[in-house]
């Protein structure tokens, strides 16, 4: 009898410990559609499979069980094509794999293993520019340097129209001289990245062939880099380019997914959604001054955050009824969440929970689930090696060459996987809660008229006749919410799941909900009383 009581007590204590981070009360089969939870991997910094201290494709394959266990159903790879730089955003061959990352066979194996796990893989496709070492550019420059006073002729060098070349641009920003000739080329980012001429039908045909090549390999779509710079300062032209590419890709693979980088505010993003593209990264939600972190740090209330979400969804659906939002907190170009929250673990967890309550397909940057640090403004410091283990460094790549030495504050993945109260476990629980309530990603959202405590918010999300209620608290203390005053009358509300940053749990009794500090709760709305 004593043994039986001890066993029961252990089970109860374990359940209480696990529920401190989060729980869900029911399992629902998630639709196999375009709505995903994506994991962004900066390939060279993720996992080294062969001991050369550079992350590679086989390393990602080795870590697919980790990615699947976290709950991610999609992967975004930063560029993997041959390039002279560590970041690979300046391509020299659109049909190859950079040797430091492995081989085409390694890529095909990665795809195969992803698809076994129902993980979709999208590739970073950079076609605003190429590398200045790309054969197209080198041949065009060689031709122009030898041209003399003649006018360029595509019949003599077809690549002369692949880029933006002009004379008399010596005083124009972002234009660079070709040798000692009178010719200049445009490079919005720097002289090592000459801009492609996307007005050229020949260039578009080349890019269509590139897209077809990777889609036929099995890639599930593309992340489109620097989309607002295709024609810098000309949004209408950029929108036309996105529409052309989206139309072509869907003609090859209708289920392919496209998400574009347009680093702008809400009004501009709404215009770009008119292109018909699936997704645009939600920059207004991201980074230190974005809506998610501002809410986590109590600079705005959760109700203000939810109201903003509703306005955003309404506006974007007017532009593209089929759009899929792409919220994120950080990526390879921004400071990490730990810096945004000044290493406040509760706020970091809560921010992740808020993102996972947003419609669409959220993107998590590798290491974000650990609370990894970035340092200063250097790009290299935003792309530090994944912190797999404090002892076993065999899978840890070297940091980018110009990166500073950074000591991580929070434990490694190896340690956090064993800790039910860790940041990693919170992310895992948040993703599970999201996926077990598919209306969160896919639903139409609204904010009900009701009375709430100041530091709380409530959001209704409805999809295929199912309605869920999301409530959250960004105060540092627990609050009590009277559901009869806060929510629509005439319904029953039952607990579906929760996310808590510590040991305190929510309580729901007699239509009164006690919501812990930084707590998130999902209620099921059903039945007329």
Protein backbone atom coordinates (compact mmCIF):
# COMPACT_ATOMS: atom_id res chain seq x y z
CA UNK A 1 0.00 0.00 0.00
CA UNK A 2 2.84 2.40 0.86
CA UNK A 3 4.50 1.69 -2.49
CA UNK A 4 1.22 2.40 -4.30
CA UNK A 5 0.74 5.69 -2.46
CA UNK A 6 4.33 6.71 -3.20
CA UNK A 7 3.83 5.97 -6.89
CA UNK A 8 0.61 8.00 -7.00
CA UNK A 9 2.31 10.90 -5.21
CA UNK A 10 5.22 10.84 -7.68
CA UNK A 11 2.86 10.91 -10.64
CA UNK A 12 0.89 13.82 -9.17
CA UNK A 13 4.06 15.80 -8.46
CA UNK A 14 5.39 15.14 -11.96
CA UNK A 15 2.13 16.31 -13.53
CA UNK A 16 2.21 19.47 -11.43
CA UNK A 17 5.81 20.15 -12.40
CA UNK A 18 5.16 19.69 -16.10
CA UNK A 19 2.00 21.77 -16.03
CA UNK A 20 3.90 24.73 -14.63
CA UNK A 21 5.24 25.40 -18.11
CA UNK A 22 2.13 24.62 -20.09
CA UNK A 23 -0.49 22.05 -20.93
CA UNK A 24 -3.22 21.14 -23.35
CA UNK A 25 -6.32 19.19 -22.39
CA UNK A 26 -7.06 17.58 -25.74
CA UNK A 27 -5.32 16.33 -28.86
CA UNK A 28 -6.60 17.46 -32.25
CA UNK A 29 -5.31 16.30 -35.63
CA UNK A 30 -3.68 19.27 -37.35
CA UNK A 31 -4.55 19.76 -41.05
CA UNK A 32 -1.71 19.02 -43.47
CA UNK A 33 -1.78 22.37 -45.24
CA UNK A 34 0.31 25.50 -45.83
CA UNK A 35 0.04 26.65 -42.21
CA UNK A 36 3.27 25.60 -40.51
CA UNK A 37 5.63 26.37 -37.65
CA UNK A 38 8.96 27.22 -39.30
CA UNK A 39 12.48 26.98 -37.93
CA UNK A 40 15.03 29.29 -39.56
CA UNK A 41 18.50 27.76 -39.85
CA UNK A 42 21.61 29.78 -40.63
CA UNK A 43 23.31 26.76 -42.14
CA UNK A 44 26.98 27.47 -41.41
CA UNK A 45 26.29 28.04 -37.71
CA UNK A 46 23.90 25.20 -36.95
CA UNK A 47 25.49 21.75 -36.79
CA UNK A 48 28.82 20.36 -38.03
CA UNK A 49 28.59 16.73 -39.17
CA UNK A 50 32.17 16.14 -40.30
CA UNK A 51 34.43 17.98 -37.87
CA UNK A 52 35.52 20.80 -40.17
CA UNK A 53 33.90 23.35 -37.79
CA UNK A 54 31.40 24.54 -40.40
CA UNK A 55 27.70 23.78 -40.18
CA UNK A 56 26.44 21.71 -43.09
CA UNK A 57 23.42 20.01 -44.62
CA UNK A 58 24.23 16.62 -43.13
CA UNK A 59 24.38 18.28 -39.73
CA UNK A 60 20.83 19.51 -40.20
CA UNK A 61 19.76 16.00 -41.19
CA UNK A 62 21.32 14.69 -37.98
CA UNK A 63 19.28 17.19 -35.95
CA UNK A 64 15.91 16.58 -37.63
CA UNK A 65 14.74 14.51 -34.66
CA UNK A 66 15.41 17.52 -32.41
CA UNK A 67 13.55 19.82 -34.80
CA UNK A 68 10.62 17.40 -35.07
CA UNK A 69 10.50 16.88 -31.31
CA UNK A 70 10.26 20.65 -30.81
CA UNK A 71 7.14 20.55 -32.97
CA UNK A 72 8.39 22.42 -36.03
CA UNK A 73 6.72 21.44 -39.29
CA UNK A 74 8.78 23.60 -41.63
CA UNK A 75 12.41 24.65 -42.11
CA UNK A 76 13.76 27.76 -43.80
CA UNK A 77 17.36 27.36 -44.91
CA UNK A 78 19.41 30.51 -45.42
CA UNK A 79 21.25 30.39 -48.79
CA UNK A 80 23.09 27.17 -49.60
CA UNK A 81 24.26 27.96 -53.14
CA UNK A 82 27.95 28.59 -53.94
CA UNK A 83 29.13 31.99 -52.75
CA UNK A 84 32.40 33.67 -51.69
CA UNK A 85 30.99 34.94 -48.36
CA UNK A 86 30.10 33.19 -45.10
CA UNK A 87 26.44 34.28 -45.31
CA UNK A 88 25.96 33.14 -48.95
CA UNK A 89 23.63 36.00 -49.90
CA UNK A 90 25.73 36.62 -53.03
CA UNK A 91 25.34 33.64 -55.33
CA UNK A 92 27.84 32.50 -57.97
CA UNK A 93 25.87 29.45 -59.17
CA UNK A 94 22.10 29.11 -58.81
CA UNK A 95 22.22 25.37 -59.49
CA UNK A 96 24.82 24.21 -56.99
CA UNK A 97 25.52 23.59 -53.31
CA UNK A 98 28.31 25.50 -51.61
CA UNK A 99 31.09 22.94 -50.96
CA UNK A 100 31.39 24.03 -47.32
CA UNK A 101 27.79 22.85 -46.78
CA UNK A 102 28.11 19.51 -48.58
CA UNK A 103 26.87 18.06 -51.85
CA UNK A 104 23.68 17.87 -53.88
CA UNK A 105 23.31 14.32 -52.58
CA UNK A 106 23.38 15.70 -49.02
CA UNK A 107 20.62 18.14 -49.95
CA UNK A 108 18.51 15.40 -51.50
CA UNK A 109 18.96 13.28 -48.36
CA UNK A 110 17.91 16.21 -46.17
CA UNK A 111 14.78 16.73 -48.26
CA UNK A 112 13.92 13.04 -48.12
CA UNK A 113 14.31 12.91 -44.34
CA UNK A 114 12.31 16.13 -43.87
CA UNK A 115 9.43 14.77 -45.91
CA UNK A 116 9.46 11.50 -43.94
CA UNK A 117 8.68 13.64 -40.89
CA UNK A 118 6.13 15.83 -42.70
CA UNK A 119 8.50 18.78 -42.41
CA UNK A 120 8.45 21.11 -45.39
CA UNK A 121 11.67 22.78 -46.48
CA UNK A 122 11.88 26.20 -48.11
CA UNK A 123 15.04 27.68 -49.59
CA UNK A 124 16.34 31.23 -49.46
CA UNK A 125 16.31 32.49 -53.04
CA UNK A 126 18.32 35.65 -53.69
CA UNK A 127 17.56 37.23 -57.04
CA UNK A 128 17.73 40.93 -56.31
CA UNK A 129 21.45 40.55 -57.02
CA UNK A 130 24.21 38.03 -57.60
CA UNK A 131 27.80 37.91 -56.49
CA UNK A 132 30.26 40.10 -58.39
CA UNK A 133 32.03 36.77 -58.99
CA UNK A 134 29.06 35.29 -60.84
CA UNK A 135 30.01 34.23 -64.42
CA UNK A 136 27.16 36.32 -65.85
CA UNK A 137 28.56 39.46 -64.27
CA UNK A 138 32.20 38.71 -65.05
CA UNK A 139 31.45 38.12 -68.73
CA UNK A 140 29.35 41.29 -68.98
CA UNK A 141 32.06 43.40 -67.31
CA UNK A 142 34.77 41.97 -69.53
CA UNK A 143 32.66 42.81 -72.58
CA UNK A 144 31.99 46.40 -71.44
CA UNK A 145 35.64 47.07 -70.61
CA UNK A 146 36.59 46.15 -74.17
CA UNK A 147 33.65 47.90 -75.83
CA UNK A 148 35.24 51.27 -76.40
CA UNK A 149 32.83 53.86 -77.87
CA UNK A 150 30.40 51.28 -79.25
CA UNK A 151 26.93 50.69 -77.78
CA UNK A 152 26.32 47.38 -75.97
CA UNK A 153 24.81 44.64 -78.14
CA UNK A 154 23.04 41.65 -76.57
CA UNK A 155 23.85 39.62 -79.67
CA UNK A 156 27.53 39.98 -78.78
CA UNK A 157 27.09 39.42 -75.02
CA UNK A 158 23.67 38.40 -73.74
CA UNK A 159 24.66 39.08 -70.14
CA UNK A 160 25.11 42.80 -70.76
CA UNK A 161 21.37 43.20 -70.14
CA UNK A 162 21.30 40.97 -67.05
CA UNK A 163 22.45 43.81 -64.78
CA UNK A 164 21.88 47.54 -64.49
CA UNK A 165 24.79 49.12 -66.38
CA UNK A 166 25.14 52.81 -67.28
CA UNK A 167 27.69 55.52 -68.02
CA UNK A 168 28.21 58.80 -66.14
CA UNK A 169 27.23 57.48 -62.71
CA UNK A 170 30.39 58.51 -60.85
CA UNK A 171 28.52 60.69 -58.35
CA UNK A 172 25.47 58.45 -57.97
CA UNK A 173 25.15 56.47 -54.70
CA UNK A 174 25.28 52.68 -55.02
CA UNK A 175 26.88 52.75 -58.48
CA UNK A 176 30.38 51.34 -58.96
CA UNK A 177 32.91 51.70 -61.75
CA UNK A 178 33.90 48.74 -63.91
CA UNK A 179 37.68 48.81 -63.93
CA UNK A 180 38.94 51.99 -65.61
CA UNK A 181 36.10 52.09 -68.15
CA UNK A 182 33.30 54.64 -68.42
CA UNK A 183 30.78 52.02 -67.34
CA UNK A 184 29.18 51.63 -63.90
CA UNK A 185 26.87 49.06 -62.34
CA UNK A 186 24.21 49.32 -59.64
CA UNK A 187 24.67 47.54 -56.32
CA UNK A 188 22.20 48.65 -53.66
CA UNK A 189 23.84 46.66 -50.86
CA UNK A 190 27.55 46.91 -51.77
CA UNK A 191 29.87 46.56 -54.73
CA UNK A 192 30.10 42.78 -54.25
CA UNK A 193 26.37 42.40 -54.95
CA UNK A 194 25.51 43.79 -58.42
CA UNK A 195 21.75 44.17 -58.91
CA UNK A 196 20.03 42.02 -61.50
CA UNK A 197 17.90 43.72 -64.16
CA UNK A 198 14.48 42.25 -63.43
CA UNK A 199 13.00 44.14 -66.38
CA UNK A 200 14.86 41.71 -68.62
CA UNK A 201 12.80 38.82 -69.96
CA UNK A 202 16.01 36.83 -70.31
CA UNK A 203 16.75 37.27 -66.59
CA UNK A 204 13.22 36.22 -65.70
CA UNK A 205 13.54 33.12 -67.86
CA UNK A 206 16.80 32.26 -66.07
CA UNK A 207 15.09 32.63 -62.68
CA UNK A 208 12.14 30.52 -63.78
CA UNK A 209 14.58 27.76 -64.71
CA UNK A 210 16.25 28.11 -61.31
CA UNK A 211 12.91 27.84 -59.49
CA UNK A 212 11.89 24.80 -61.55
CA UNK A 213 15.21 23.09 -60.86
CA UNK A 214 14.84 23.28 -57.06
CA UNK A 215 11.11 22.56 -57.03
CA UNK A 216 11.71 19.45 -59.11
CA UNK A 217 14.39 18.44 -56.61
CA UNK A 218 11.65 18.51 -53.99
CA UNK A 219 11.99 21.92 -52.34
CA UNK A 220 8.66 23.06 -50.90
CA UNK A 221 9.01 26.75 -51.68
CA UNK A 222 11.18 29.81 -51.29
CA UNK A 223 11.93 32.70 -49.01
CA UNK A 224 12.49 35.72 -51.28
CA UNK A 225 15.28 37.98 -50.10
CA UNK A 226 15.20 41.80 -50.30
CA UNK A 227 11.95 42.00 -52.27
CA UNK A 228 11.55 45.75 -51.78
CA UNK A 229 14.91 46.35 -53.45
CA UNK A 230 14.09 44.68 -56.78
CA UNK A 231 13.36 48.21 -57.98
CA UNK A 232 14.40 50.37 -55.05
CA UNK A 233 11.80 53.04 -54.40
CA UNK A 234 9.25 51.60 -56.84
CA UNK A 235 6.77 49.47 -54.90
CA UNK A 236 4.46 48.88 -57.87
CA UNK A 237 7.29 47.33 -59.88
CA UNK A 238 8.31 45.14 -56.94
CA UNK A 239 4.72 43.98 -56.52
CA UNK A 240 4.61 43.06 -60.21
CA UNK A 241 7.80 41.00 -59.82
CA UNK A 242 6.33 39.12 -56.86
CA UNK A 243 3.14 38.47 -58.80
CA UNK A 244 5.10 37.15 -61.80
CA UNK A 245 7.22 34.83 -59.65
CA UNK A 246 4.32 33.62 -57.51
CA UNK A 247 2.29 32.83 -60.62
CA UNK A 248 5.15 30.92 -62.21
CA UNK A 249 6.04 28.91 -59.10
CA UNK A 250 2.42 27.87 -58.54
CA UNK A 251 2.19 26.77 -62.19
CA UNK A 252 5.06 24.35 -61.51
CA UNK A 253 4.06 23.28 -58.00
CA UNK A 254 0.65 24.53 -56.80
CA UNK A 255 1.31 23.63 -53.17
CA UNK A 256 4.64 25.50 -53.03
CA UNK A 257 4.91 28.20 -50.37
CA UNK A 258 6.41 31.65 -50.88
CA UNK A 259 7.30 34.18 -48.19
CA UNK A 260 8.99 37.48 -49.03
CA UNK A 261 11.15 39.87 -47.05
CA UNK A 262 9.69 43.38 -47.28
CA UNK A 263 11.19 45.25 -44.35
CA UNK A 264 8.43 47.86 -44.00
CA UNK A 265 5.44 48.92 -41.91
CA UNK A 266 1.86 47.71 -42.07
CA UNK A 267 0.61 50.08 -44.77
CA UNK A 268 3.34 49.05 -47.20
CA UNK A 269 2.93 45.36 -46.43
CA UNK A 270 -0.76 45.59 -47.21
CA UNK A 271 0.11 46.94 -50.67
CA UNK A 272 2.61 44.12 -51.28
CA UNK A 273 -0.02 41.52 -50.39
CA UNK A 274 -1.84 42.61 -53.55
CA UNK A 275 0.85 40.66 -55.42
CA UNK A 276 -0.92 37.46 -54.40
CA UNK A 277 2.12 36.11 -52.55
CA UNK A 278 1.37 33.65 -49.75
CA UNK A 279 3.20 35.49 -46.97
CA UNK A 280 5.21 38.54 -46.02
CA UNK A 281 7.28 38.61 -42.86
CA UNK A 282 5.43 40.57 -40.18
CA UNK A 283 8.09 43.15 -39.41
CA UNK A 284 5.72 45.39 -37.40
CA UNK A 285 5.37 42.51 -34.91
CA UNK A 286 9.10 41.78 -34.68
CA UNK A 287 12.20 43.09 -32.94
CA UNK A 288 12.62 45.29 -29.88
CA UNK A 289 10.12 47.94 -30.97
CA UNK A 290 7.66 45.48 -32.47
CA UNK A 291 4.24 44.62 -31.12
CA UNK A 292 5.23 41.29 -29.54
CA UNK A 293 8.14 42.55 -27.44
CA UNK A 294 6.32 45.77 -26.52
CA UNK A 295 3.52 43.63 -25.10
CA UNK A 296 5.90 41.26 -23.31
CA UNK A 297 7.61 44.25 -21.67
CA UNK A 298 4.23 45.81 -20.74
CA UNK A 299 4.75 48.87 -22.89
CA UNK A 300 1.30 48.15 -24.30
CA UNK A 301 -1.52 46.03 -22.87
CA UNK A 302 -2.44 42.61 -24.23
CA UNK A 303 -5.80 44.04 -25.26
CA UNK A 304 -4.04 46.71 -27.34
CA UNK A 305 -1.91 43.95 -28.90
CA UNK A 306 -4.96 41.86 -29.79
CA UNK A 307 -6.80 44.88 -31.21
CA UNK A 308 -3.77 45.62 -33.38
CA UNK A 309 -3.78 42.01 -34.61
CA UNK A 310 -7.44 42.27 -35.63
CA UNK A 311 -6.85 45.49 -37.57
CA UNK A 312 -3.85 43.93 -39.30
CA UNK A 313 -5.75 40.79 -40.32
CA UNK A 314 -8.66 42.85 -41.63
CA UNK A 315 -6.38 45.04 -43.74
CA UNK A 316 -4.27 42.20 -45.13
CA UNK A 317 -7.31 40.10 -46.03
CA UNK A 318 -8.67 43.00 -48.05
CA UNK A 319 -5.45 42.94 -50.08
CA UNK A 320 -5.20 39.15 -50.32
CA UNK A 321 -8.02 37.00 -48.87
CA UNK A 322 -5.76 33.94 -48.90
CA UNK A 323 -2.74 35.52 -47.20
CA UNK A 324 -0.88 33.68 -44.43
CA UNK A 325 0.75 35.93 -41.87
CA UNK A 326 4.43 35.22 -41.07
CA UNK A 327 5.11 36.53 -37.55
CA UNK A 328 8.58 36.32 -36.04
CA UNK A 329 10.55 37.85 -33.18
CA UNK A 330 14.10 37.71 -34.51
CA UNK A 331 16.07 36.48 -37.51
CA UNK A 332 19.62 36.48 -38.88
CA UNK A 333 19.51 40.27 -39.48
CA UNK A 334 18.21 41.33 -36.04
CA UNK A 335 19.23 41.18 -32.41
CA UNK A 336 18.05 38.06 -30.64
CA UNK A 337 15.13 37.88 -28.22
CA UNK A 338 17.48 37.71 -25.21
CA UNK A 339 18.81 41.18 -26.03
CA UNK A 340 15.34 42.49 -26.79
CA UNK A 341 14.14 41.38 -23.34
CA UNK A 342 17.46 42.10 -21.56
CA UNK A 343 17.68 38.41 -20.57
CA UNK A 344 14.37 38.53 -18.67
CA UNK A 345 13.40 34.87 -18.92
CA UNK A 346 9.73 35.39 -18.06
CA UNK A 347 9.32 38.06 -20.73
CA UNK A 348 11.18 35.93 -23.29
CA UNK A 349 8.85 33.01 -22.68
CA UNK A 350 5.76 35.20 -22.74
CA UNK A 351 6.85 36.80 -26.02
CA UNK A 352 7.18 33.35 -27.57
CA UNK A 353 3.74 32.45 -26.26
CA UNK A 354 2.22 35.59 -27.77
CA UNK A 355 3.75 34.83 -31.17
CA UNK A 356 2.35 31.31 -31.04
CA UNK A 357 -1.13 32.75 -30.48
CA UNK A 358 -0.98 34.78 -33.72
CA UNK A 359 -2.63 33.64 -36.97
CA UNK A 360 -0.45 32.38 -39.81
CA UNK A 361 2.88 30.55 -39.89
CA UNK A 362 5.33 31.71 -37.19
CA UNK A 363 9.10 31.61 -37.78
CA UNK A 364 11.55 30.84 -34.98
CA UNK A 365 15.25 31.61 -35.44
CA UNK A 366 17.56 28.74 -34.44
CA UNK A 367 18.72 29.13 -30.83
CA UNK A 368 15.83 31.43 -29.97
CA UNK A 369 14.32 28.47 -28.13
CA UNK A 370 17.41 28.47 -25.89
CA UNK A 371 17.54 32.21 -25.21
CA UNK A 372 20.83 32.44 -27.11
CA UNK A 373 22.59 35.80 -26.98
CA UNK A 374 23.68 38.19 -29.68
CA UNK A 375 26.09 41.01 -29.01
CA UNK A 376 26.37 44.52 -30.40
CA UNK A 377 25.39 45.45 -33.93
CA UNK A 378 27.69 43.15 -35.94
CA UNK A 379 25.78 40.81 -38.22
CA UNK A 380 28.23 38.04 -37.33
CA UNK A 381 27.16 38.28 -33.68
CA UNK A 382 23.57 37.57 -34.70
CA UNK A 383 24.68 34.30 -36.31
CA UNK A 384 26.66 32.59 -33.56
CA UNK A 385 26.99 28.78 -33.36
CA UNK A 386 24.02 26.81 -32.06
CA UNK A 387 24.61 26.00 -28.38
CA UNK A 388 24.17 22.24 -28.44
CA UNK A 389 26.26 21.32 -25.41
CA UNK A 390 28.53 22.93 -22.86
CA UNK A 391 30.83 19.88 -22.81
CA UNK A 392 30.61 18.07 -26.15
CA UNK A 393 31.61 20.58 -28.83
CA UNK A 394 31.96 18.04 -31.64
CA UNK A 395 28.82 19.31 -33.40
CA UNK A 396 29.41 22.99 -32.69
CA UNK A 397 30.65 25.04 -35.68
CA UNK A 398 33.09 27.90 -35.35
CA UNK A 399 31.63 31.38 -35.09
CA UNK A 400 31.77 33.60 -38.18
CA UNK A 401 35.27 35.03 -38.50
CA UNK A 402 34.48 38.60 -37.40
CA UNK A 403 32.21 37.59 -34.50
CA UNK A 404 33.00 38.60 -30.94
CA UNK A 405 33.46 36.07 -28.17
CA UNK A 406 30.09 35.73 -26.45
CA UNK A 407 29.38 33.72 -23.30
CA UNK A 408 25.86 32.34 -23.32
CA UNK A 409 23.70 33.12 -20.28
CA UNK A 410 21.16 30.33 -20.54
CA UNK A 411 21.98 26.59 -20.62
CA UNK A 412 22.65 24.52 -23.73
CA UNK A 413 20.06 22.52 -25.64
CA UNK A 414 21.37 19.37 -23.98
CA UNK A 415 20.69 20.80 -20.52
CA UNK A 416 17.41 22.52 -21.34
CA UNK A 417 15.90 19.36 -22.82
CA UNK A 418 16.16 17.83 -19.33
CA UNK A 419 14.59 20.82 -17.55
CA UNK A 420 10.76 21.01 -17.70
CA UNK A 421 10.92 24.69 -16.70
CA UNK A 422 13.40 25.74 -19.39
CA UNK A 423 12.92 28.21 -22.22
CA UNK A 424 13.22 25.32 -24.67
CA UNK A 425 10.42 23.43 -22.94
CA UNK A 426 8.23 26.53 -22.99
CA UNK A 427 8.71 26.88 -26.77
CA UNK A 428 7.93 23.20 -27.21
CA UNK A 429 4.76 23.49 -25.15
CA UNK A 430 3.71 26.68 -26.96
CA UNK A 431 4.09 25.01 -30.36
CA UNK A 432 2.18 21.94 -29.15
CA UNK A 433 -0.63 24.13 -27.80
CA UNK A 434 -0.82 26.00 -31.09
CA UNK A 435 -0.85 22.87 -33.23
CA UNK A 436 -3.48 21.16 -31.07
CA UNK A 437 -5.76 24.16 -31.62
CA UNK A 438 -5.64 24.63 -35.42
CA UNK A 439 -8.05 27.57 -35.31
CA UNK A 440 -5.22 29.71 -33.86
CA UNK A 441 -3.28 29.62 -37.13
CA UNK A 442 -6.23 29.58 -39.50
CA UNK A 443 -9.03 31.46 -37.78
CA UNK A 444 -10.76 34.79 -38.14
CA UNK A 445 -9.98 36.82 -35.05
CA UNK A 446 -11.97 39.39 -33.10
CA UNK A 447 -11.88 41.24 -29.80
CA UNK A 448 -15.12 41.01 -27.80
CA UNK A 449 -16.66 43.94 -25.99
CA UNK A 450 -16.21 43.23 -22.32
CA UNK A 451 -14.63 44.37 -19.08
CA UNK A 452 -11.10 43.25 -18.33
CA UNK A 453 -8.37 44.04 -15.82
CA UNK A 454 -5.88 46.52 -17.30
CA UNK A 455 -2.97 44.13 -17.83
CA UNK A 456 -4.97 41.46 -19.63
CA UNK A 457 -6.41 40.82 -23.07
CA UNK A 458 -8.90 38.51 -24.74
CA UNK A 459 -9.07 37.33 -28.35
CA UNK A 460 -11.64 35.14 -30.11
CA UNK A 461 -10.52 32.98 -33.01
CA UNK A 462 -13.02 31.08 -35.16
CA UNK A 463 -12.39 28.48 -37.84
CA UNK A 464 -14.71 25.87 -39.33
CA UNK A 465 -17.32 26.42 -36.63
CA UNK A 466 -14.84 26.10 -33.76
CA UNK A 467 -14.29 29.07 -31.47
CA UNK A 468 -11.43 29.39 -29.03
CA UNK A 469 -10.82 32.16 -26.53
CA UNK A 470 -7.26 33.31 -25.82
CA UNK A 471 -6.64 35.26 -22.61
CA UNK A 472 -3.31 36.57 -21.40
CA UNK A 473 -1.79 38.63 -18.61
CA UNK A 474 1.42 40.69 -18.97
CA UNK A 475 1.52 41.84 -15.35
CA UNK A 476 4.14 40.59 -12.90
CA UNK A 477 1.37 39.33 -10.59
CA UNK A 478 -1.64 37.09 -11.08
CA UNK A 479 -5.01 38.66 -11.92
CA UNK A 480 -8.61 37.50 -11.66
CA UNK A 481 -10.84 37.77 -14.72
CA UNK A 482 -14.62 37.56 -14.43
CA UNK A 483 -15.55 35.65 -17.58
CA UNK A 484 -19.18 36.76 -17.36
CA UNK A 485 -18.03 40.37 -17.75
CA UNK A 486 -15.19 39.71 -20.20
CA UNK A 487 -16.74 37.26 -22.69
CA UNK A 488 -19.90 36.94 -24.80
CA UNK A 489 -22.90 35.70 -22.82
CA UNK A 490 -24.81 32.51 -23.49
CA UNK A 491 -21.89 30.11 -23.90
CA UNK A 492 -20.02 27.57 -21.85
CA UNK A 493 -16.28 28.04 -21.45
CA UNK A 494 -13.98 25.15 -20.62
CA UNK A 495 -10.21 25.06 -20.29
CA UNK A 496 -8.37 23.78 -23.39
CA UNK A 497 -4.78 24.60 -22.52
CA UNK A 498 -2.37 27.02 -20.96
CA UNK A 499 1.16 28.39 -20.94
CA UNK A 500 2.77 29.50 -17.70
CA UNK A 501 6.26 30.88 -17.19
CA UNK A 502 6.66 29.44 -13.68
CA UNK A 503 5.12 27.06 -11.17
CA UNK A 504 1.88 28.97 -10.55
CA UNK A 505 -1.07 27.55 -12.44
CA UNK A 506 -4.33 29.06 -13.62
CA UNK A 507 -7.59 28.35 -11.79
CA UNK A 508 -11.05 28.38 -13.35
CA UNK A 509 -13.97 28.21 -10.92
CA UNK A 510 -17.49 29.65 -11.12
CA UNK A 511 -16.67 31.72 -14.24
CA UNK A 512 -13.72 33.32 -12.45
CA UNK A 513 -10.29 32.78 -14.01
CA UNK A 514 -7.16 33.36 -11.98
CA UNK A 515 -4.43 33.98 -14.55
CA UNK A 516 -0.80 33.86 -13.35
CA UNK A 517 1.80 36.50 -14.18
CA UNK A 518 2.70 36.27 -17.88
CA UNK A 519 0.10 33.55 -18.23
CA UNK A 520 -1.76 32.51 -21.39
CA UNK A 521 -4.94 30.43 -21.35
CA UNK A 522 -7.09 28.99 -24.13
CA UNK A 523 -10.76 28.35 -23.43
CA UNK A 524 -13.20 26.47 -25.60
CA UNK A 525 -16.45 28.27 -26.36
CA UNK A 526 -19.34 25.88 -26.84
CA UNK A 527 -23.01 25.28 -26.22
CA UNK A 528 -25.74 27.73 -25.37
CA UNK A 529 -26.56 27.74 -21.69
